[in-house]
Amino acid sequence: MYSLAELHAQLAAFRAKLAEATEHTNRAVELLDEARETIVTAFEQAEPWLPPQLALAEERLRQDAGRLAAADDLVSGYQARL
């Protein structure tokens, strides 16, 4: 069993990894947005074709970002109550 100090340290390390995962997820969303802009600009037409996977990937990444934020909120709240 962990001491209180060890538990705080473990939770802090976990939250740091959550923050890192969130940064990577947000960067992936930015890259998808850049890809979309590049595709639209390259075609320069009123209704450019975009791969359907692009929207699906963005939606999943945004869901992942939401889950990571929720996990961080839960861990933060738990840590505050210790």
N, C-alpha and C. Protein backbone atom coordinates (compact mmCIF):
# COMPACT_ATOMS: atom_id res chain seq x y z
N MET A 1 0.84 -1.18 0.00
CA MET A 1 0.00 0.00 0.00
C MET A 1 0.89 1.24 0.00
N TYR A 2 0.44 2.24 -0.70
CA TYR A 2 1.20 3.48 -0.81
C TYR A 2 0.94 4.39 0.39
N SER A 3 1.98 5.14 0.76
CA SER A 3 1.77 6.20 1.73
C SER A 3 1.07 7.34 1.00
N LEU A 4 0.59 8.31 1.75
CA LEU A 4 -0.11 9.45 1.14
C LEU A 4 0.82 10.20 0.19
N ALA A 5 2.06 10.40 0.60
CA ALA A 5 3.02 11.11 -0.25
C ALA A 5 3.29 10.33 -1.53
N GLU A 6 3.41 9.01 -1.41
CA GLU A 6 3.65 8.19 -2.60
C GLU A 6 2.44 8.22 -3.53
N LEU A 7 1.25 8.20 -2.96
CA LEU A 7 0.04 8.26 -3.76
C LEU A 7 -0.05 9.58 -4.51
N HIS A 8 0.28 10.67 -3.81
CA HIS A 8 0.30 11.98 -4.47
C HIS A 8 1.31 11.99 -5.62
N ALA A 9 2.48 11.40 -5.40
CA ALA A 9 3.51 11.36 -6.44
C ALA A 9 3.03 10.53 -7.63
N GLN A 10 2.40 9.39 -7.37
CA GLN A 10 1.89 8.54 -8.44
C GLN A 10 0.80 9.26 -9.24
N LEU A 11 -0.09 9.95 -8.54
CA LEU A 11 -1.16 10.68 -9.22
C LEU A 11 -0.59 11.84 -10.03
N ALA A 12 0.42 12.50 -9.50
CA ALA A 12 1.05 13.60 -10.24
C ALA A 12 1.71 13.07 -11.51
N ALA A 13 2.36 11.92 -11.42
CA ALA A 13 2.98 11.32 -12.61
C ALA A 13 1.91 10.93 -13.62
N PHE A 14 0.81 10.39 -13.14
CA PHE A 14 -0.29 10.00 -14.03
C PHE A 14 -0.88 11.22 -14.73
N ARG A 15 -1.07 12.30 -13.98
CA ARG A 15 -1.61 13.52 -14.57
C ARG A 15 -0.65 14.11 -15.59
N ALA A 16 0.66 13.97 -15.35
CA ALA A 16 1.65 14.45 -16.32
C ALA A 16 1.53 13.67 -17.63
N LYS A 17 1.32 12.36 -17.51
CA LYS A 17 1.14 11.54 -18.72
C LYS A 17 -0.17 11.88 -19.42
N LEU A 18 -1.21 12.18 -18.66
CA LEU A 18 -2.47 12.61 -19.26
C LEU A 18 -2.27 13.91 -20.03
N ALA A 19 -1.53 14.84 -19.44
CA ALA A 19 -1.27 16.12 -20.11
C ALA A 19 -0.48 15.89 -21.40
N GLU A 20 0.49 14.99 -21.34
CA GLU A 20 1.28 14.68 -22.54
C GLU A 20 0.39 14.07 -23.63
N ALA A 21 -0.46 13.14 -23.24
CA ALA A 21 -1.37 12.51 -24.21
C ALA A 21 -2.33 13.54 -24.80
N THR A 22 -2.78 14.47 -23.97
CA THR A 22 -3.68 15.52 -24.44
C THR A 22 -2.97 16.42 -25.46
N GLU A 23 -1.72 16.77 -25.18
CA GLU A 23 -0.95 17.58 -26.12
C GLU A 23 -0.80 16.87 -27.46
N HIS A 24 -0.49 15.58 -27.42
CA HIS A 24 -0.34 14.82 -28.67
C HIS A 24 -1.66 14.74 -29.43
N THR A 25 -2.74 14.53 -28.70
CA THR A 25 -4.06 14.45 -29.34
C THR A 25 -4.43 15.78 -29.97
N ASN A 26 -4.22 16.87 -29.24
CA ASN A 26 -4.52 18.19 -29.79
C ASN A 26 -3.66 18.50 -31.01
N ARG A 27 -2.41 18.08 -30.99
CA ARG A 27 -1.54 18.30 -32.15
C ARG A 27 -2.04 17.49 -33.35
N ALA A 28 -2.51 16.27 -33.10
CA ALA A 28 -3.06 15.45 -34.19
C ALA A 28 -4.28 16.12 -34.81
N VAL A 29 -5.12 16.73 -33.98
CA VAL A 29 -6.29 17.45 -34.50
C VAL A 29 -5.82 18.64 -35.36
N GLU A 30 -4.82 19.36 -34.88
CA GLU A 30 -4.28 20.48 -35.66
C GLU A 30 -3.75 20.00 -37.01
N LEU A 31 -3.05 18.88 -37.02
CA LEU A 31 -2.51 18.35 -38.27
C LEU A 31 -3.62 17.94 -39.23
N LEU A 32 -4.69 17.36 -38.70
CA LEU A 32 -5.83 17.01 -39.55
C LEU A 32 -6.48 18.27 -40.13
N ASP A 33 -6.58 19.32 -39.32
CA ASP A 33 -7.12 20.58 -39.83
C ASP A 33 -6.24 21.15 -40.95
N GLU A 34 -4.92 21.05 -40.75
CA GLU A 34 -4.00 21.52 -41.79
C GLU A 34 -4.14 20.68 -43.06
N ALA A 35 -4.32 19.39 -42.90
CA ALA A 35 -4.50 18.50 -44.07
C ALA A 35 -5.77 18.89 -44.82
N ARG A 36 -6.83 19.16 -44.08
CA ARG A 36 -8.09 19.56 -44.72
C ARG A 36 -7.89 20.85 -45.51
N GLU A 37 -7.24 21.83 -44.90
CA GLU A 37 -7.00 23.10 -45.59
C GLU A 37 -6.17 22.90 -46.85
N THR A 38 -5.17 22.04 -46.76
CA THR A 38 -4.31 21.77 -47.91
C THR A 38 -5.10 21.13 -49.04
N ILE A 39 -5.95 20.18 -48.70
CA ILE A 39 -6.76 19.51 -49.72
C ILE A 39 -7.71 20.50 -50.38
N VAL A 40 -8.37 21.31 -49.58
CA VAL A 40 -9.33 22.28 -50.11
C VAL A 40 -8.61 23.29 -51.00
N THR A 41 -7.48 23.79 -50.53
CA THR A 41 -6.73 24.77 -51.31
C THR A 41 -6.22 24.17 -52.61
N ALA A 42 -5.78 22.93 -52.56
CA ALA A 42 -5.25 22.28 -53.76
C ALA A 42 -6.31 22.12 -54.83
N PHE A 43 -7.51 21.83 -54.45
CA PHE A 43 -8.57 21.62 -55.43
C PHE A 43 -9.22 22.92 -55.88
N GLU A 44 -9.23 23.93 -55.01
CA GLU A 44 -9.81 25.24 -55.32
C GLU A 44 -11.13 25.13 -56.09
N GLN A 45 -12.05 24.44 -55.48
CA GLN A 45 -13.38 24.35 -56.06
C GLN A 45 -14.41 24.57 -54.96
N ALA A 46 -15.64 24.80 -55.36
CA ALA A 46 -16.69 25.13 -54.39
C ALA A 46 -16.93 23.99 -53.40
N GLU A 47 -16.92 22.76 -53.88
CA GLU A 47 -17.15 21.62 -53.01
C GLU A 47 -16.03 20.60 -53.19
N PRO A 48 -14.89 20.85 -52.57
CA PRO A 48 -13.76 19.94 -52.74
C PRO A 48 -14.05 18.58 -52.11
N TRP A 49 -13.42 17.58 -52.67
CA TRP A 49 -13.56 16.23 -52.14
C TRP A 49 -12.63 16.08 -50.95
N LEU A 50 -13.16 15.59 -49.87
CA LEU A 50 -12.36 15.28 -48.69
C LEU A 50 -12.56 13.81 -48.36
N PRO A 51 -11.48 13.12 -48.02
CA PRO A 51 -11.64 11.72 -47.66
C PRO A 51 -12.57 11.58 -46.46
N PRO A 52 -13.52 10.65 -46.50
CA PRO A 52 -14.44 10.49 -45.37
C PRO A 52 -13.71 10.11 -44.08
N GLN A 53 -12.56 9.48 -44.22
CA GLN A 53 -11.80 9.08 -43.04
C GLN A 53 -11.28 10.29 -42.26
N LEU A 54 -11.12 11.40 -42.96
CA LEU A 54 -10.60 12.61 -42.31
C LEU A 54 -11.56 13.09 -41.22
N ALA A 55 -12.82 13.18 -41.54
CA ALA A 55 -13.81 13.62 -40.55
C ALA A 55 -13.93 12.61 -39.41
N LEU A 56 -13.89 11.34 -39.73
CA LEU A 56 -13.98 10.30 -38.71
C LEU A 56 -12.78 10.36 -37.77
N ALA A 57 -11.59 10.53 -38.33
CA ALA A 57 -10.38 10.62 -37.51
C ALA A 57 -10.44 11.84 -36.59
N GLU A 58 -10.89 12.96 -37.14
CA GLU A 58 -10.98 14.17 -36.31
C GLU A 58 -11.99 13.99 -35.18
N GLU A 59 -13.13 13.41 -35.49
CA GLU A 59 -14.15 13.18 -34.46
C GLU A 59 -13.62 12.27 -33.36
N ARG A 60 -12.94 11.22 -33.74
CA ARG A 60 -12.40 10.29 -32.74
C ARG A 60 -11.32 10.96 -31.89
N LEU A 61 -10.48 11.78 -32.51
CA LEU A 61 -9.46 12.48 -31.75
C LEU A 61 -10.09 13.48 -30.78
N ARG A 62 -11.13 14.16 -31.22
CA ARG A 62 -11.82 15.10 -30.32
C ARG A 62 -12.48 14.35 -29.16
N GLN A 63 -13.03 13.17 -29.43
CA GLN A 63 -13.60 12.35 -28.35
C GLN A 63 -12.50 11.91 -27.38
N ASP A 64 -11.35 11.51 -27.93
CA ASP A 64 -10.22 11.13 -27.08
C ASP A 64 -9.78 12.30 -26.20
N ALA A 65 -9.71 13.48 -26.80
CA ALA A 65 -9.32 14.67 -26.03
C ALA A 65 -10.31 14.93 -24.90
N GLY A 66 -11.59 14.75 -25.18
CA GLY A 66 -12.60 14.91 -24.13
C GLY A 66 -12.45 13.89 -23.03
N ARG A 67 -12.17 12.65 -23.40
CA ARG A 67 -11.97 11.60 -22.39
C ARG A 67 -10.73 11.87 -21.54
N LEU A 68 -9.66 12.34 -22.18
CA LEU A 68 -8.45 12.67 -21.44
C LEU A 68 -8.71 13.80 -20.46
N ALA A 69 -9.45 14.80 -20.89
CA ALA A 69 -9.78 15.92 -20.00
C ALA A 69 -10.64 15.45 -18.83
N ALA A 70 -11.60 14.57 -19.10
CA ALA A 70 -12.45 14.04 -18.03
C ALA A 70 -11.63 13.21 -17.05
N ALA A 71 -10.70 12.41 -17.56
CA ALA A 71 -9.84 11.61 -16.68
C ALA A 71 -8.98 12.51 -15.81
N ASP A 72 -8.45 13.58 -16.40
CA ASP A 72 -7.64 14.51 -15.62
C ASP A 72 -8.48 15.18 -14.54
N ASP A 73 -9.70 15.56 -14.85
CA ASP A 73 -10.59 16.16 -13.85
C ASP A 73 -10.85 15.19 -12.70
N LEU A 74 -11.11 13.94 -13.03
CA LEU A 74 -11.37 12.94 -11.99
C LEU A 74 -10.16 12.72 -11.10
N VAL A 75 -8.99 12.58 -11.71
CA VAL A 75 -7.77 12.36 -10.93
C VAL A 75 -7.44 13.59 -10.11
N SER A 76 -7.63 14.76 -10.69
CA SER A 76 -7.37 16.00 -9.97
C SER A 76 -8.29 16.13 -8.76
N GLY A 77 -9.57 15.82 -8.95
CA GLY A 77 -10.51 15.87 -7.84
C GLY A 77 -10.17 14.87 -6.75
N TYR A 78 -9.79 13.66 -7.17
CA TYR A 78 -9.41 12.63 -6.21
C TYR A 78 -8.17 13.06 -5.43
N GLN A 79 -7.19 13.60 -6.16
CA GLN A 79 -5.96 14.04 -5.52
C GLN A 79 -6.24 15.18 -4.54
N ALA A 80 -7.14 16.07 -4.87
CA ALA A 80 -7.47 17.19 -3.99
C ALA A 80 -8.13 16.71 -2.70
N ARG A 81 -8.86 15.60 -2.78
CA ARG A 81 -9.54 15.08 -1.59
C ARG A 81 -8.62 14.29 -0.67
N LEU A 82 -7.41 13.94 -1.15
CA LEU A 82 -6.49 13.16 -0.31
C LEU A 82 -5.93 13.99 0.83
